[in-house]
Amino acid sequence: MKLGLLAPLTGASAADGKAMRQGAELAVKELNAGGGVNGHEISLESADVKDLKADAVASAVSRLTADPEVAAVITGYASTTNFEIDQLAEATMPYLIGGGSAQTAEIIEKDPEKYPGIWSTAPSYDAYKTDLPNRLEQWDADGTFPLRNRTVYIVSSDNPYSNDIAGGLATNFEAGGWQVEGPDVVPFGEVNDWTPQISKIHAADPSVIVNLDYLTANAVKFLTQFRDNPTNALLFSQYAPSVPEYKKLAGDAADGVMYNLPAGAILSSKYAPAQDFLKEFRDAYGTDPGLYGVMSYEQVMLWAKAVESSGGDPLDKEAVGEAIGTTVMSGTAMGTIRFDQQTHLAVADDEDGMPLQFFEIQDGRDTLLGPAQWADGEFQQPTWFK
């Protein structure tokens, strides 16, 4: 019996793809050590979506759906638009997907009954659009970080994920009386020279810089070039700092960078399930899992639980797919995983769902600043401030 994995194992997002495969492998190993899934030994069948382009994704999906032994497919993300959802739904293939929840919801909420086996282990990304503006207002009010002006400079990458967040952030900042510079959109893909953007940042002199290019190498290059010629502005970087490779590449320069995540292991010393998982993953691979290492692990475990609750036959794909949507897993490394029945997204909730976590990198580690019940530290002004 096989479990399919769609992942960018080569190309610019290969670090994420590696984490996806490692997390899934760890879960499969644990399940098999315990007797498999209802007596079935499971193997992982990986399919490389390469650069996330449509032809590579469609080819990878076709290979997995054509294999009669593949019982379900998981991914952190496989494309920039999640178009493959329709291809997998037509094949009656259970599909657990992570990234691009805005695109997932847009596809599914028009006709949820058409997608009974498609479920997102990431919640709505709407919080990405409100959390930073709200947090900055609170910091200004309580003196944590008094704003010297109300100007924000937004850099985006030309892809649906980044542009959706850019538009939402711009709207919410403007509603709060901010001057929004940008979004300054760069082409999706490798970007080596950030000089034009940094020059415009100096001219705008914002209190806050937001970089929504989520590719790790790009985000590190932006950071290092900014650190060569910094301004007195906070730097918020979308997603990329959560990838372990980011801190390895950036080194000490990463200290002071902020980011948030609506999913992922709850990185708090106060939350034992995540600490246990992190130790297990580090012991197995010698590195941290990042968002997609823990997500793929929990996707495998969620699928296995749905197989058992639906009667025990992994190849009864229709029954398993529907069972995924009614499965609730509490006490996971990511919090409680349960699903909204209209959008098929995981539920975001600080108490009974997945909490939105806000981090600042301090002394080379991800310091959790919120939510309050899991916070492990307090905001520190970046060292590049003069």
Protein backbone atom coordinates (compact mmCIF):
# COMPACT_ATOMS: atom_id res chain seq x y z
CA MET A 1 0.00 0.00 0.00
CA LYS A 2 1.38 3.40 -0.99
CA LEU A 3 0.85 6.95 0.20
CA GLY A 4 1.59 9.52 -2.48
CA LEU A 5 3.57 12.69 -1.82
CA LEU A 6 3.60 15.68 -4.15
CA ALA A 7 6.62 17.84 -3.32
CA PRO A 8 9.09 20.26 -4.93
CA LEU A 9 12.10 17.97 -4.51
CA THR A 10 14.18 20.00 -6.98
CA GLY A 11 14.21 23.68 -7.85
CA ALA A 12 13.91 26.84 -5.77
CA SER A 13 11.57 25.26 -3.20
CA ALA A 14 13.57 22.05 -2.71
CA ALA A 15 14.22 22.81 0.98
CA ASP A 16 10.47 22.67 1.59
CA GLY A 17 10.17 19.51 -0.48
CA LYS A 18 12.89 17.82 1.54
CA ALA A 19 11.09 18.69 4.78
CA MET A 20 7.79 17.36 3.39
CA ARG A 21 9.39 14.04 2.53
CA GLN A 22 11.22 13.74 5.85
CA GLY A 23 8.07 14.40 7.89
CA ALA A 24 6.06 11.90 5.86
CA GLU A 25 8.82 9.28 6.09
CA LEU A 26 8.97 9.67 9.86
CA ALA A 27 5.22 9.13 10.19
CA VAL A 28 5.22 6.14 7.82
CA LYS A 29 8.07 4.57 9.77
CA GLU A 30 6.15 4.98 13.04
CA LEU A 31 2.95 3.53 11.60
CA ASN A 32 4.74 0.51 10.15
CA ALA A 33 6.56 -0.09 13.42
CA GLY A 34 3.15 -0.28 15.08
CA GLY A 35 1.76 -2.80 12.61
CA GLY A 36 0.87 -0.52 9.72
CA VAL A 37 -2.54 0.95 8.94
CA ASN A 38 -5.14 -1.69 9.79
CA GLY A 39 -2.49 -4.32 9.10
CA HIS A 40 -1.31 -2.77 5.83
CA GLU A 41 2.36 -1.81 5.60
CA ILE A 42 2.70 1.61 3.99
CA SER A 43 5.39 2.92 1.67
CA LEU A 44 5.86 6.50 0.53
CA GLU A 45 5.71 7.23 -3.20
CA SER A 46 7.16 10.68 -3.96
CA ALA A 47 6.48 12.67 -7.12
CA ASP A 48 8.54 15.78 -7.87
CA VAL A 49 6.58 18.89 -8.90
CA LYS A 50 9.90 20.65 -9.59
CA ASP A 51 9.35 24.38 -10.19
CA LEU A 52 5.58 24.25 -9.44
CA LYS A 53 4.72 24.84 -13.11
CA ALA A 54 1.48 23.33 -14.37
CA ASP A 55 3.01 20.69 -16.65
CA ALA A 56 5.29 19.30 -13.93
CA VAL A 57 2.46 19.24 -11.39
CA ALA A 58 -0.04 17.61 -13.75
CA SER A 59 2.52 14.96 -14.72
CA ALA A 60 3.29 14.17 -11.07
CA VAL A 61 -0.41 13.93 -10.21
CA SER A 62 -1.10 11.66 -13.19
CA ARG A 63 1.69 9.31 -12.14
CA LEU A 64 0.30 8.96 -8.63
CA THR A 65 -3.37 8.64 -9.58
CA ALA A 66 -2.53 6.01 -12.21
CA ASP A 67 -0.90 3.76 -9.61
CA PRO A 68 -3.60 1.44 -8.18
CA GLU A 69 -1.63 0.99 -4.96
CA VAL A 70 -1.64 4.73 -4.09
CA ALA A 71 -4.38 5.17 -1.49
CA ALA A 72 -4.11 8.93 -0.90
CA VAL A 73 -1.93 11.92 -1.73
CA ILE A 74 -0.48 14.54 0.61
CA THR A 75 1.47 17.74 0.05
CA GLY A 76 2.64 20.88 1.75
CA TYR A 77 2.05 22.60 -1.58
CA ALA A 78 2.36 21.47 -5.18
CA SER A 79 1.48 24.50 -7.31
CA THR A 80 0.90 28.23 -6.90
CA THR A 81 -2.83 28.01 -7.67
CA ASN A 82 -3.78 24.54 -6.33
CA PHE A 83 -5.32 23.71 -9.71
CA GLU A 84 -4.42 20.05 -9.13
CA ILE A 85 -7.32 19.82 -6.66
CA ASP A 86 -9.72 19.21 -9.55
CA GLN A 87 -7.50 16.53 -11.06
CA LEU A 88 -7.35 14.64 -7.76
CA ALA A 89 -11.06 15.07 -7.05
CA GLU A 90 -11.91 13.62 -10.46
CA ALA A 91 -9.77 10.58 -9.57
CA THR A 92 -11.62 10.22 -6.21
CA MET A 93 -8.23 10.50 -4.54
CA PRO A 94 -8.10 11.71 -0.93
CA TYR A 95 -5.87 14.78 -0.93
CA LEU A 96 -4.43 16.57 2.08
CA ILE A 97 -2.89 19.90 1.09
CA GLY A 98 -1.21 22.62 3.10
CA GLY A 99 -0.15 25.80 1.30
CA GLY A 100 -2.31 28.24 -0.60
CA SER A 101 -5.37 27.95 1.62
CA ALA A 102 -6.93 31.03 0.00
CA GLN A 103 -6.79 29.27 -3.36
CA THR A 104 -8.10 26.03 -1.82
CA ALA A 105 -11.08 27.80 -0.26
CA GLU A 106 -11.85 29.66 -3.49
CA ILE A 107 -12.03 26.35 -5.37
CA ILE A 108 -13.97 24.35 -2.80
CA GLU A 109 -16.48 26.70 -1.18
CA LYS A 110 -18.34 27.15 -4.48
CA ASP A 111 -19.35 23.46 -4.36
CA PRO A 112 -18.00 21.57 -1.32
CA GLU A 113 -19.85 18.39 -2.27
CA LYS A 114 -17.75 18.16 -5.43
CA TYR A 115 -14.62 17.78 -3.28
CA PRO A 116 -15.49 15.29 -0.50
CA GLY A 117 -11.92 14.03 -0.18
CA ILE A 118 -9.97 17.31 -0.46
CA TRP A 119 -8.94 18.88 2.87
CA SER A 120 -6.45 21.58 3.83
CA THR A 121 -4.28 21.16 6.91
CA ALA A 122 -3.65 24.91 6.83
CA PRO A 123 -6.29 27.35 8.06
CA SER A 124 -7.43 30.51 6.34
CA TYR A 125 -4.66 32.96 5.50
CA ASP A 126 -6.90 35.91 6.38
CA ALA A 127 -4.97 36.35 9.63
CA TYR A 128 -1.85 37.10 7.58
CA LYS A 129 -3.63 40.25 6.44
CA THR A 130 -4.60 41.54 9.89
CA ASP A 131 -2.13 40.21 12.46
CA LEU A 132 0.83 42.47 11.70
CA PRO A 133 -1.14 45.76 11.50
CA ASN A 134 -3.00 44.92 14.71
CA ARG A 135 0.19 43.91 16.53
CA LEU A 136 2.00 47.10 15.52
CA GLU A 137 -0.91 49.20 16.76
CA GLN A 138 -0.77 47.38 20.10
CA TRP A 139 3.01 47.79 20.36
CA ASP A 140 2.70 51.50 19.63
CA ALA A 141 -0.03 51.91 22.24
CA ASP A 142 1.72 50.00 25.04
CA GLY A 143 5.20 51.35 24.31
CA THR A 144 6.73 48.09 23.11
CA PHE A 145 7.67 49.77 19.82
CA PRO A 146 6.60 53.42 19.48
CA LEU A 147 6.12 54.16 15.80
CA ARG A 148 8.21 57.06 14.48
CA ASN A 149 5.87 57.30 11.49
CA ARG A 150 2.96 55.36 10.02
CA THR A 151 4.56 54.33 6.74
CA VAL A 152 4.96 50.72 5.62
CA TYR A 153 6.82 49.54 2.53
CA ILE A 154 5.46 46.29 1.03
CA VAL A 155 7.48 44.12 -1.35
CA SER A 156 5.62 41.27 -3.04
CA SER A 157 6.41 38.45 -5.45
CA ASP A 158 4.27 37.92 -8.53
CA ASN A 159 2.39 34.80 -7.43
CA PRO A 160 -1.16 34.32 -6.09
CA TYR A 161 -0.10 33.57 -2.50
CA SER A 162 2.09 36.66 -2.06
CA ASN A 163 -0.15 39.02 -4.00
CA ASP A 164 -3.26 37.98 -2.06
CA ILE A 165 -1.53 38.72 1.24
CA ALA A 166 -0.06 41.96 -0.14
CA GLY A 167 -3.49 43.24 -1.11
CA GLY A 168 -4.99 42.32 2.24
CA LEU A 169 -2.17 43.91 4.22
CA ALA A 170 -2.33 47.10 2.17
CA THR A 171 -6.08 47.37 2.76
CA ASN A 172 -5.78 46.85 6.50
CA PHE A 173 -2.82 49.18 6.93
CA GLU A 174 -4.63 51.91 5.00
CA ALA A 175 -7.76 51.38 7.11
CA GLY A 176 -5.60 52.09 10.16
CA GLY A 177 -4.35 55.38 8.74
CA TRP A 178 -1.01 54.14 7.42
CA GLN A 179 0.77 55.36 4.31
CA VAL A 180 1.37 52.25 2.20
CA GLU A 181 4.28 52.30 -0.24
CA GLY A 182 3.86 49.54 -2.83
CA PRO A 183 3.19 46.73 -3.16
CA ASP A 184 6.46 46.72 -5.09
CA VAL A 185 6.09 43.48 -7.06
CA VAL A 186 9.12 41.49 -8.26
CA PRO A 187 8.92 38.57 -10.71
CA PHE A 188 8.29 35.15 -9.19
CA GLY A 189 11.48 33.08 -9.19
CA GLU A 190 15.10 33.80 -8.41
CA VAL A 191 15.90 37.41 -7.49
CA ASN A 192 19.55 38.23 -6.86
CA ASP A 193 19.63 42.03 -6.82
CA TRP A 194 17.39 43.86 -4.37
CA THR A 195 19.15 47.22 -4.79
CA PRO A 196 16.18 48.90 -6.54
CA GLN A 197 13.79 47.97 -3.74
CA ILE A 198 16.22 48.94 -0.97
CA SER A 199 16.88 52.31 -2.63
CA LYS A 200 13.14 53.00 -2.72
CA ILE A 201 12.85 51.90 0.91
CA HIS A 202 15.46 54.48 1.88
CA ALA A 203 13.54 57.16 0.00
CA ALA A 204 10.24 56.22 1.68
CA ASP A 205 11.83 55.90 5.16
CA PRO A 206 9.13 53.57 6.58
CA SER A 207 8.80 52.33 10.14
CA VAL A 208 8.07 48.83 8.84
CA ILE A 209 9.21 46.81 5.82
CA VAL A 210 7.21 43.78 4.69
CA ASN A 211 8.81 41.32 2.25
CA LEU A 212 6.31 38.78 0.91
CA ASP A 213 8.74 36.88 -1.34
CA TYR A 214 8.56 33.50 0.39
CA LEU A 215 11.42 31.79 -1.47
CA THR A 216 14.16 31.21 1.07
CA ALA A 217 17.15 32.20 -1.07
CA ASN A 218 15.43 35.40 -2.20
CA ALA A 219 14.45 36.38 1.33
CA VAL A 220 18.00 35.83 2.60
CA LYS A 221 19.47 37.91 -0.23
CA PHE A 222 17.02 40.72 0.54
CA LEU A 223 17.96 40.56 4.21
CA THR A 224 21.73 40.55 3.70
CA GLN A 225 21.57 43.39 1.16
CA PHE A 226 19.32 45.38 3.49
CA ARG A 227 21.68 44.74 6.42
CA ASP A 228 24.52 46.18 4.31
CA ASN A 229 22.58 49.45 4.12
CA PRO A 230 19.84 49.37 6.77
CA THR A 231 17.24 51.86 7.89
CA ASN A 232 15.54 52.20 11.27
CA ALA A 233 12.65 49.98 10.24
CA LEU A 234 11.30 46.67 11.44
CA LEU A 235 11.60 43.86 8.90
CA PHE A 236 8.75 41.38 8.56
CA SER A 237 9.46 38.52 6.15
CA GLN A 238 6.70 36.21 4.93
CA TYR A 239 7.15 32.50 5.68
CA ALA A 240 10.81 32.13 4.58
CA PRO A 241 12.33 32.59 8.08
CA SER A 242 10.40 29.52 9.25
CA VAL A 243 12.49 27.34 6.92
CA PRO A 244 15.57 26.05 8.81
CA GLU A 245 17.76 26.83 5.79
CA TYR A 246 16.98 30.55 6.19
CA LYS A 247 18.80 30.87 9.50
CA LYS A 248 21.67 28.70 8.26
CA LEU A 249 22.19 30.96 5.23
CA ALA A 250 21.60 34.26 7.02
CA GLY A 251 23.52 33.51 10.21
CA ASP A 252 23.57 36.35 12.75
CA ALA A 253 22.00 38.68 10.19
CA ALA A 254 18.65 36.94 10.79
CA ASP A 255 18.37 38.30 14.34
CA GLY A 256 15.55 40.84 14.51
CA VAL A 257 13.56 39.49 11.55
CA MET A 258 9.88 38.86 12.31
CA TYR A 259 7.38 36.46 10.76
CA ASN A 260 4.14 34.70 11.60
CA LEU A 261 2.57 31.33 10.83
CA PRO A 262 -1.07 30.19 10.98
CA ALA A 263 0.06 26.55 11.07
CA GLY A 264 3.11 24.54 12.08
CA ALA A 265 4.50 23.12 15.29
CA ILE A 266 3.71 25.32 18.30
CA LEU A 267 7.28 26.39 19.00
CA SER A 268 6.92 26.98 22.71
CA SER A 269 8.74 25.35 25.61
CA LYS A 270 5.31 25.35 27.29
CA TYR A 271 3.73 23.00 24.71
CA ALA A 272 4.94 19.43 25.25
CA PRO A 273 3.52 17.73 22.10
CA ALA A 274 5.55 20.02 19.85
CA GLN A 275 8.68 19.65 21.96
CA ASP A 276 8.38 15.86 21.77
CA PHE A 277 7.95 15.96 18.00
CA LEU A 278 10.86 18.36 17.52
CA LYS A 279 13.16 16.05 19.48
CA GLU A 280 12.04 13.05 17.44
CA PHE A 281 12.56 14.87 14.15
CA ARG A 282 15.95 16.27 15.16
CA ASP A 283 17.10 12.85 16.34
CA ALA A 284 16.09 11.37 12.98
CA TYR A 285 17.40 14.06 10.64
CA GLY A 286 19.69 16.39 12.58
CA THR A 287 17.67 19.48 11.69
CA ASP A 288 14.41 21.25 12.49
CA PRO A 289 11.26 20.30 10.55
CA GLY A 290 10.05 23.74 9.56
CA LEU A 291 6.38 24.15 8.74
CA TYR A 292 6.17 21.39 6.14
CA GLY A 293 8.09 18.75 8.06
CA VAL A 294 5.53 18.77 10.86
CA MET A 295 2.60 19.28 8.50
CA SER A 296 3.38 16.24 6.34
CA TYR A 297 3.88 14.14 9.48
CA GLU A 298 0.46 15.11 10.82
CA GLN A 299 -1.14 14.63 7.39
CA VAL A 300 0.00 11.01 7.35
CA MET A 301 -1.29 10.45 10.88
CA LEU A 302 -4.60 12.13 10.04
CA TRP A 303 -5.05 9.91 6.98
CA ALA A 304 -4.26 6.79 9.03
CA LYS A 305 -6.84 7.77 11.65
CA ALA A 306 -9.44 8.36 8.92
CA VAL A 307 -8.74 4.92 7.42
CA GLU A 308 -9.48 3.29 10.76
CA SER A 309 -12.63 5.32 11.41
CA SER A 310 -14.02 4.64 7.92
CA GLY A 311 -13.84 0.86 8.14
CA GLY A 312 -10.17 0.04 7.75
CA ASP A 313 -9.79 -0.27 3.97
CA PRO A 314 -7.20 2.26 2.72
CA LEU A 315 -8.37 1.77 -0.88
CA ASP A 316 -11.96 2.74 -0.10
CA LYS A 317 -10.93 6.21 -1.17
CA GLU A 318 -14.36 7.79 -1.11
CA ALA A 319 -15.03 6.67 2.47
CA VAL A 320 -11.56 7.63 3.65
CA GLY A 321 -11.74 11.06 2.01
CA GLU A 322 -15.05 11.85 3.69
CA ALA A 323 -13.78 10.52 7.03
CA ILE A 324 -10.81 12.88 6.94
CA GLY A 325 -13.20 15.82 7.03
CA THR A 326 -14.91 14.67 10.22
CA THR A 327 -11.74 13.57 11.99
CA VAL A 328 -10.54 15.65 14.94
CA MET A 329 -6.99 15.25 16.23
CA SER A 330 -6.24 16.98 19.52
CA GLY A 331 -2.84 17.38 21.14
CA THR A 332 -0.86 17.27 17.91
CA ALA A 333 2.36 19.23 17.51
CA MET A 334 0.29 21.81 15.60
CA GLY A 335 -2.55 22.01 18.12
CA THR A 336 -6.01 20.64 17.34
CA ILE A 337 -6.67 19.70 13.72
CA ARG A 338 -10.32 19.92 12.67
CA PHE A 339 -12.00 21.19 9.52
CA ASP A 340 -14.49 23.80 8.39
CA GLN A 341 -17.09 21.96 6.32
CA GLN A 342 -17.71 24.81 3.85
CA THR A 343 -14.13 25.68 2.90
CA HIS A 344 -12.47 22.37 3.88
CA LEU A 345 -9.75 24.40 5.63
CA ALA A 346 -8.34 23.59 9.05
CA VAL A 347 -9.88 25.69 11.81
CA ALA A 348 -7.79 28.53 13.22
CA ASP A 349 -8.27 28.97 16.96
CA ASP A 350 -5.82 29.70 19.75
CA GLU A 351 -7.64 27.29 22.09
CA ASP A 352 -9.36 24.64 19.96
CA GLY A 353 -7.63 24.73 16.60
CA MET A 354 -4.36 25.98 15.17
CA PRO A 355 -3.02 29.16 16.79
CA LEU A 356 -1.51 31.98 14.77
CA GLN A 357 2.09 32.25 15.97
CA PHE A 358 4.18 35.43 15.77
CA PHE A 359 7.97 35.15 15.96
CA GLU A 360 11.07 37.27 16.16
CA ILE A 361 14.43 35.63 15.51
CA GLN A 362 16.61 36.29 18.54
CA ASP A 363 20.10 34.87 19.04
CA GLY A 364 19.58 32.55 16.10
CA ARG A 365 16.35 30.97 17.31
CA ASP A 366 12.64 31.46 16.70
CA THR A 367 11.31 33.29 19.75
CA LEU A 368 7.54 33.03 20.06
CA LEU A 369 5.98 36.38 20.98
CA GLY A 370 2.33 35.36 20.66
CA PRO A 371 -0.26 34.09 21.36
CA ALA A 372 0.24 35.07 24.99
CA GLN A 373 -0.38 31.63 26.50
CA TRP A 374 2.52 30.13 24.53
CA ALA A 375 4.86 33.15 24.40
CA ASP A 376 8.50 32.35 25.19
CA GLY A 377 9.95 35.86 25.01
CA GLU A 378 9.43 39.56 24.40
CA PHE A 379 10.13 41.85 21.46
CA GLN A 380 13.70 43.12 21.12
CA GLN A 381 14.62 46.09 18.94
CA PRO A 382 16.75 44.86 16.01
CA THR A 383 20.47 45.49 16.29
CA TRP A 384 20.58 47.26 12.91
CA PHE A 385 18.75 50.26 14.44
CA LYS A 386 20.97 53.30 14.96
